[in-house]
Amino acid sequence: MDGSSTLESVDVQQFLTNFAETFNNNKPELAATFCLLPSIIIGDHNKTVLNSQKALQAIFSRFIRRLHAKGIVNFVPEVNQTMRLSDSLLFTNIRWQLFDKEGQLQVNGSSSYTMQLMPDQQLKIIITVIDDEEKQLEKMFPLSKRL
């Protein structure tokens, strides 16, 4: 089986659902394992490069705390589009739906991910672009302004 057919068989929705579960279960250390180092997170006004698992854990921990402070406890990703970029790279645009404990939708925002299929057939996030029009996610995601 060549690299492209392997990439095409990857379940991106399941990968992102598993990623969301790390937030749902307040597991920033596990969320960090979904990313490849260095990892880049970009918004319209903020950018950061993360070079360690510890830095990824810290940023995910702050993100989870900010969302929990707003009553958000359930993260649900919905894949809008996935494009193959190369034999091991793909680009995915998703809509994040964030719900409170009563199941009420609180935030509806978009993100895009560039991901790489690793030799062990696992996806890893390389670049995250927070690209929702209303800037709801970017306002909550703790990024520096430097890249």
Foldseek 3Di string as FASTA:
>chain_A
DALQVLVVPDDPQVLVQVLQVCLLVLNQLVNLVQADPQAWEAEPQFIDTRGDSVVSSVQSNQLSVLCVVVQWRGKHKDWDDKDDPDSFKIKTKIWIFTAGPVRDTDDTFIKMFIWGQDPVRRIHTRYIYGYGPVCPSVVRGDGHRDD
